[in-house]
Amino acid sequence: MTANSTLPINSQLSTAPADGQPLRIAIQGYPGAFHEIAAREYFQPDRLAIVPNDSFEDLVRQVTLGEDADAGLMAIENSLAGSIMENYRLLNTGRVQITGEIFLRIRQNLLCLPGQTIDDLREVRSHPVAIAQCLEFFRQYPHIRLVEAVDTAGSARDIQERQLSGVGAIASSLAAELYGLEVLAPGIETNKQNYTRFWAIHQQSTSSPQKSAEKVSLCFSVEHEVGSLQKVLSVFSAYQLNLTKIQSAPIIGRKWEYLFYVDFVLGDRFAWPQAVDAIRPLVHHLQVLGAYPKGRCVEY
């Protein structure tokens, strides 16, 4: 993104590249994963190619290299499970920048081969977080064994490819469509206020992030002394910044020292670079992870 750009990144990338090739978006997981749903909702191009990855580390590597992916979409936190701390580390050490966000309502579904009933199921497979979100539902069916797997959509794909009778998967309705499975029970998550926040990421640019951004994510450390963090927060207040999140993480190799990851929404009077410059003398290891438009919430 160039410094004089004013459009949100999802508006800039709403069409396929000029050469007619599809926009390649790296995700963690398999086709039909919630990452794919969020990617399609966020980028919304005429042509889009999902590039699956086994891990978030592989996702960031693909975006950094830029050979097989034009951009990426990665989960950063869930309203029930909390932050994905490993992804903060990847963003801090990788050569990528946050260019946008989207919030997706996570609706878990019980999928199986067509024609089966819930009494036919011996086991249900899914990612451990998805299983944890649906435990209340499965208490009604003690005959079903819950088996942890790498991915929600991957579990659905395995059932279809291997024609696994008596086996179910917890996954999205998109996974059901892609793999020809039946939705045996929709919306089986215990808590219906289940949302995941995703960050869109691109290669780090040599130009500055857009100054017209509404939201900024950054990380920094402070001296290990009384009031050091409070001084930074006071500057945020003085610049009318609405702090929407603060997250600490240990600095590897330096015991009892921490990085603080902060998101804030801008006030009316100041541009975000002014606020960042104001806290610079008070912190160490300051890094702007991204400046971007506020994300929308999608009910899928």
Protein backbone atom coordinates (compact mmCIF):
# COMPACT_ATOMS: atom_id res chain seq x y z
CA MET A 1 0.00 0.00 0.00
CA THR A 2 1.36 3.38 -0.91
CA ALA A 3 1.56 6.25 1.52
CA ASN A 4 -0.96 8.37 -0.39
CA SER A 5 -3.55 5.61 -0.65
CA THR A 6 -6.95 6.45 0.80
CA LEU A 7 -9.07 3.40 -0.03
CA PRO A 8 -9.45 0.50 2.43
CA ILE A 9 -7.32 -2.44 1.40
CA ASN A 10 -10.34 -4.66 0.74
CA SER A 11 -11.61 -2.05 -1.73
CA GLN A 12 -8.26 -1.90 -3.47
CA LEU A 13 -8.16 -5.67 -3.86
CA SER A 14 -11.80 -6.21 -4.78
CA THR A 15 -10.91 -7.37 -8.29
CA ALA A 16 -8.47 -9.94 -9.63
CA PRO A 17 -4.93 -8.84 -10.57
CA ALA A 18 -4.50 -6.98 -13.86
CA ASP A 19 -3.00 -10.02 -15.58
CA GLY A 20 -6.32 -11.87 -15.20
CA GLN A 21 -4.97 -14.30 -12.63
CA PRO A 22 -6.99 -14.95 -9.45
CA LEU A 23 -6.06 -13.20 -6.23
CA ARG A 24 -4.14 -15.78 -4.18
CA ILE A 25 -4.94 -15.72 -0.46
CA ALA A 26 -3.00 -17.86 1.99
CA ILE A 27 -4.95 -19.32 4.91
CA GLN A 28 -4.31 -21.80 7.70
CA GLY A 29 -6.36 -24.92 7.12
CA TYR A 30 -8.11 -26.64 4.25
CA PRO A 31 -10.77 -25.45 1.78
CA GLY A 32 -14.03 -24.99 3.67
CA ALA A 33 -12.30 -23.77 6.84
CA PHE A 34 -13.58 -20.69 8.63
CA HIS A 35 -10.43 -18.97 7.36
CA GLU A 36 -11.70 -19.42 3.81
CA ILE A 37 -15.12 -18.00 4.67
CA ALA A 38 -13.49 -14.95 6.25
CA ALA A 39 -11.10 -14.53 3.30
CA ARG A 40 -13.93 -14.57 0.76
CA GLU A 41 -15.96 -12.11 2.82
CA TYR A 42 -13.01 -9.76 3.28
CA PHE A 43 -11.34 -9.65 -0.14
CA GLN A 44 -14.44 -10.23 -2.31
CA PRO A 45 -12.66 -10.31 -5.69
CA ASP A 46 -14.17 -11.56 -8.95
CA ARG A 47 -11.65 -14.39 -8.85
CA LEU A 48 -9.98 -15.71 -5.72
CA ALA A 49 -7.73 -18.72 -5.15
CA ILE A 50 -7.39 -20.07 -1.61
CA VAL A 51 -3.87 -21.29 -0.77
CA PRO A 52 -4.09 -23.78 2.15
CA ASN A 53 -1.35 -24.08 4.77
CA ASP A 54 -0.84 -26.60 7.55
CA SER A 55 0.35 -23.96 10.04
CA PHE A 56 0.28 -20.22 10.66
CA GLU A 57 4.05 -20.18 10.32
CA ASP A 58 3.71 -21.56 6.77
CA LEU A 59 1.03 -18.94 6.05
CA VAL A 60 3.27 -16.04 7.10
CA ARG A 61 6.21 -17.51 5.18
CA GLN A 62 4.13 -17.68 1.98
CA VAL A 63 3.00 -14.08 2.30
CA THR A 64 6.56 -12.95 3.08
CA LEU A 65 8.00 -14.66 0.01
CA GLY A 66 5.14 -13.52 -2.23
CA GLU A 67 5.72 -16.32 -4.73
CA ASP A 68 2.58 -18.41 -4.15
CA ALA A 69 0.34 -15.93 -2.32
CA ASP A 70 -0.56 -12.28 -2.88
CA ALA A 71 -1.87 -11.80 0.66
CA GLY A 72 -2.99 -13.79 3.68
CA LEU A 73 -5.74 -13.93 6.26
CA MET A 74 -4.98 -15.22 9.76
CA ALA A 75 -6.97 -15.52 12.97
CA ILE A 76 -5.65 -13.47 15.89
CA GLU A 77 -8.29 -13.91 18.59
CA ASN A 78 -11.59 -15.55 19.46
CA SER A 79 -14.24 -14.03 21.70
CA LEU A 80 -14.35 -17.24 23.77
CA ALA A 81 -10.87 -18.75 23.54
CA GLY A 82 -8.88 -15.49 23.64
CA SER A 83 -5.75 -14.47 21.73
CA ILE A 84 -3.57 -16.71 19.57
CA MET A 85 -0.25 -15.74 21.09
CA GLU A 86 1.91 -17.57 18.55
CA ASN A 87 0.45 -15.38 15.80
CA TYR A 88 1.51 -12.24 17.61
CA ARG A 89 5.06 -13.58 17.65
CA LEU A 90 4.90 -14.40 13.93
CA LEU A 91 3.73 -10.88 13.11
CA ASN A 92 6.45 -9.36 15.27
CA THR A 93 9.25 -11.34 13.67
CA GLY A 94 7.95 -11.81 10.12
CA ARG A 95 8.24 -9.33 7.27
CA VAL A 96 4.51 -8.73 6.94
CA GLN A 97 2.13 -5.93 7.87
CA ILE A 98 -1.52 -5.87 8.92
CA THR A 99 -3.69 -4.19 6.29
CA GLY A 100 -7.20 -4.91 7.53
CA GLU A 101 -9.45 -6.96 9.79
CA ILE A 102 -12.76 -8.79 9.76
CA PHE A 103 -14.88 -10.39 12.50
CA LEU A 104 -16.65 -13.66 11.65
CA ARG A 105 -19.44 -15.30 13.62
CA ILE A 106 -18.35 -18.91 14.12
CA ARG A 107 -21.28 -21.30 13.68
CA GLN A 108 -20.30 -24.93 14.27
CA ASN A 109 -22.22 -27.72 12.53
CA LEU A 110 -22.27 -31.50 12.85
CA LEU A 111 -21.56 -33.02 9.43
CA CYS A 112 -21.65 -36.61 8.17
CA LEU A 113 -22.21 -38.69 5.04
CA PRO A 114 -25.76 -38.36 3.68
CA GLY A 115 -28.42 -40.68 5.03
CA GLN A 116 -26.99 -41.19 8.52
CA THR A 117 -28.59 -40.35 11.85
CA ILE A 118 -26.90 -39.18 15.01
CA ASP A 119 -27.41 -42.66 16.48
CA ASP A 120 -25.25 -44.05 13.66
CA LEU A 121 -22.22 -41.97 14.69
CA ARG A 122 -19.49 -43.64 16.74
CA GLU A 123 -17.07 -40.70 16.75
CA VAL A 124 -16.86 -37.04 15.76
CA ARG A 125 -13.62 -35.38 14.69
CA SER A 126 -12.55 -31.74 14.64
CA HIS A 127 -10.03 -29.19 15.83
CA PRO A 128 -9.77 -29.20 19.66
CA VAL A 129 -11.06 -25.61 19.93
CA ALA A 130 -14.15 -26.52 17.89
CA ILE A 131 -14.75 -29.58 20.06
CA ALA A 132 -14.46 -27.48 23.22
CA GLN A 133 -17.05 -25.07 21.85
CA CYS A 134 -19.59 -27.89 21.39
CA LEU A 135 -19.22 -30.04 24.51
CA GLU A 136 -22.66 -29.19 25.86
CA PHE A 137 -24.31 -30.56 22.71
CA PHE A 138 -22.45 -33.88 22.87
CA ARG A 139 -23.34 -34.49 26.50
CA GLN A 140 -26.70 -35.62 25.11
CA TYR A 141 -24.92 -38.36 23.13
CA PRO A 142 -22.50 -40.22 25.42
CA HIS A 143 -22.06 -42.96 22.82
CA ILE A 144 -20.12 -40.55 20.56
CA ARG A 145 -16.35 -40.35 21.05
CA LEU A 146 -14.82 -36.91 20.39
CA VAL A 147 -11.50 -37.11 18.54
CA GLU A 148 -9.13 -34.14 18.13
CA ALA A 149 -7.84 -33.42 14.62
CA VAL A 150 -5.69 -30.78 12.92
CA ASP A 151 -8.48 -28.89 11.18
CA THR A 152 -12.27 -28.56 11.06
CA ALA A 153 -12.56 -28.64 7.27
CA GLY A 154 -9.83 -31.28 7.05
CA SER A 155 -11.96 -33.56 9.21
CA ALA A 156 -14.89 -33.09 6.82
CA ARG A 157 -12.67 -33.74 3.82
CA ASP A 158 -11.41 -37.01 5.31
CA ILE A 159 -14.96 -38.27 5.78
CA GLN A 160 -15.79 -37.58 2.15
CA GLU A 161 -12.55 -38.93 0.67
CA ARG A 162 -12.56 -42.12 2.74
CA GLN A 163 -16.37 -42.47 2.87
CA LEU A 164 -16.24 -42.89 6.64
CA SER A 165 -19.59 -44.24 7.78
CA GLY A 166 -20.31 -43.70 11.46
CA VAL A 167 -17.93 -40.74 11.67
CA GLY A 168 -18.94 -37.10 11.92
CA ALA A 169 -17.09 -33.78 11.81
CA ILE A 170 -17.60 -30.39 13.42
CA ALA A 171 -17.10 -27.83 10.68
CA SER A 172 -18.62 -25.00 8.66
CA SER A 173 -21.60 -25.19 6.32
CA LEU A 174 -19.18 -24.30 3.50
CA ALA A 175 -17.25 -27.50 4.26
CA ALA A 176 -20.51 -29.43 3.98
CA GLU A 177 -21.14 -27.91 0.54
CA LEU A 178 -17.60 -28.53 -0.71
CA TYR A 179 -17.42 -32.15 0.40
CA GLY A 180 -21.00 -33.25 -0.23
CA LEU A 181 -21.81 -33.89 3.43
CA GLU A 182 -25.11 -33.55 5.24
CA VAL A 183 -25.59 -31.02 8.04
CA LEU A 184 -26.96 -33.35 10.68
CA ALA A 185 -27.24 -30.62 13.33
CA PRO A 186 -26.63 -26.91 12.66
CA GLY A 187 -25.37 -24.38 15.18
CA ILE A 188 -24.23 -26.83 17.87
CA GLU A 189 -21.81 -24.41 19.59
CA THR A 190 -22.67 -23.81 23.26
CA ASN A 191 -22.17 -20.04 23.25
CA LYS A 192 -23.77 -18.24 20.33
CA GLN A 193 -21.64 -15.11 20.89
CA ASN A 194 -18.71 -16.86 19.24
CA TYR A 195 -16.69 -14.56 16.98
CA THR A 196 -13.18 -14.78 15.57
CA ARG A 197 -11.16 -11.75 14.56
CA PHE A 198 -8.96 -12.16 11.48
CA TRP A 199 -6.16 -9.93 10.23
CA ALA A 200 -5.42 -9.44 6.53
CA ILE A 201 -1.65 -9.40 5.99
CA HIS A 202 0.59 -8.37 3.11
CA GLN A 203 4.31 -8.19 2.54
CA GLN A 204 5.99 -5.39 4.43
CA SER A 205 6.17 -2.31 2.27
CA THR A 206 9.01 0.17 2.13
CA SER A 207 6.38 2.95 2.13
CA SER A 208 4.50 4.07 5.23
CA PRO A 209 1.07 2.63 6.09
CA GLN A 210 -1.80 4.91 5.19
CA LYS A 211 -2.08 7.96 7.44
CA SER A 212 -5.85 7.99 7.03
CA ALA A 213 -6.25 4.67 8.86
CA GLU A 214 -8.85 4.33 11.60
CA LYS A 215 -7.13 1.66 13.67
CA VAL A 216 -3.50 0.91 14.56
CA SER A 217 -1.79 -2.18 15.97
CA LEU A 218 1.67 -1.92 17.47
CA CYS A 219 3.98 -3.55 19.98
CA PHE A 220 6.57 -2.20 22.40
CA SER A 221 8.34 -2.88 25.69
CA VAL A 222 8.93 -0.52 28.62
CA GLU A 223 11.40 -0.22 31.48
CA HIS A 224 10.73 -2.59 34.36
CA GLU A 225 9.94 0.18 36.83
CA VAL A 226 6.93 1.70 38.56
CA GLY A 227 4.69 3.76 36.28
CA SER A 228 6.45 3.03 32.98
CA LEU A 229 3.38 1.55 31.30
CA GLN A 230 1.12 4.19 32.85
CA LYS A 231 3.15 6.93 31.15
CA VAL A 232 2.45 5.37 27.76
CA LEU A 233 -1.26 4.98 28.50
CA SER A 234 -1.40 8.62 29.56
CA VAL A 235 -0.09 9.65 26.15
CA PHE A 236 -2.77 7.54 24.48
CA SER A 237 -5.37 9.37 26.53
CA ALA A 238 -3.92 12.78 25.72
CA TYR A 239 -4.11 12.00 22.00
CA GLN A 240 -7.70 10.79 22.33
CA LEU A 241 -6.87 7.21 21.35
CA ASN A 242 -9.47 4.59 22.25
CA LEU A 243 -7.48 1.59 23.47
CA THR A 244 -9.43 -1.47 22.26
CA LYS A 245 -6.94 -4.14 23.31
CA ILE A 246 -3.72 -4.59 25.27
CA GLN A 247 -1.95 -7.96 25.39
CA SER A 248 1.35 -8.89 27.03
CA ALA A 249 3.74 -11.63 25.95
CA PRO A 250 7.09 -12.74 27.38
CA ILE A 251 10.24 -11.60 25.57
CA ILE A 252 12.07 -14.82 24.77
CA GLY A 253 15.48 -14.96 26.45
CA ARG A 254 14.80 -12.08 28.86
CA LYS A 255 13.13 -13.38 32.00
CA TRP A 256 10.18 -11.43 33.37
CA GLU A 257 10.30 -8.87 30.57
CA TYR A 258 7.32 -8.43 28.28
CA LEU A 259 6.18 -7.04 24.95
CA PHE A 260 2.87 -5.20 24.97
CA TYR A 261 0.66 -5.58 21.91
CA VAL A 262 -1.82 -2.71 21.62
CA ASP A 263 -4.73 -1.88 19.32
CA PHE A 264 -6.25 1.59 19.35
CA VAL A 265 -8.85 3.52 17.40
CA LEU A 266 -7.96 7.06 16.46
CA GLY A 267 -9.53 10.20 17.84
CA ASP A 268 -10.58 13.13 15.70
CA ARG A 269 -7.77 15.62 16.27
CA PHE A 270 -4.55 13.77 15.52
CA ALA A 271 -3.11 11.50 12.86
CA TRP A 272 -1.76 8.23 14.19
CA PRO A 273 1.94 8.94 13.38
CA GLN A 274 1.83 11.88 15.81
CA ALA A 275 0.64 9.60 18.61
CA VAL A 276 3.30 6.98 17.83
CA ASP A 277 6.03 9.64 17.83
CA ALA A 278 4.77 10.87 21.21
CA ILE A 279 5.26 7.48 22.89
CA ARG A 280 8.56 6.69 21.16
CA PRO A 281 10.77 8.23 23.92
CA LEU A 282 8.93 6.18 26.56
CA VAL A 283 9.28 2.69 25.05
CA HIS A 284 11.72 0.20 23.56
CA HIS A 285 11.40 -2.06 20.52
CA LEU A 286 8.51 -0.06 19.10
CA GLN A 287 7.04 -1.63 15.97
CA VAL A 288 3.92 -0.59 14.06
CA LEU A 289 2.33 -3.86 12.96
CA GLY A 290 -0.29 -2.16 10.82
CA ALA A 291 -2.61 0.81 10.30
CA TYR A 292 -5.91 -0.06 8.67
CA PRO A 293 -9.70 0.53 8.48
CA LYS A 294 -11.90 -0.79 11.29
CA GLY A 295 -13.28 -4.20 10.37
CA ARG A 296 -16.88 -5.22 9.87
CA CYS A 297 -18.68 -8.13 11.53
CA VAL A 298 -20.02 -10.91 9.31
CA GLU A 299 -22.79 -13.35 10.19
CA TYR A 300 -22.28 -16.42 8.01
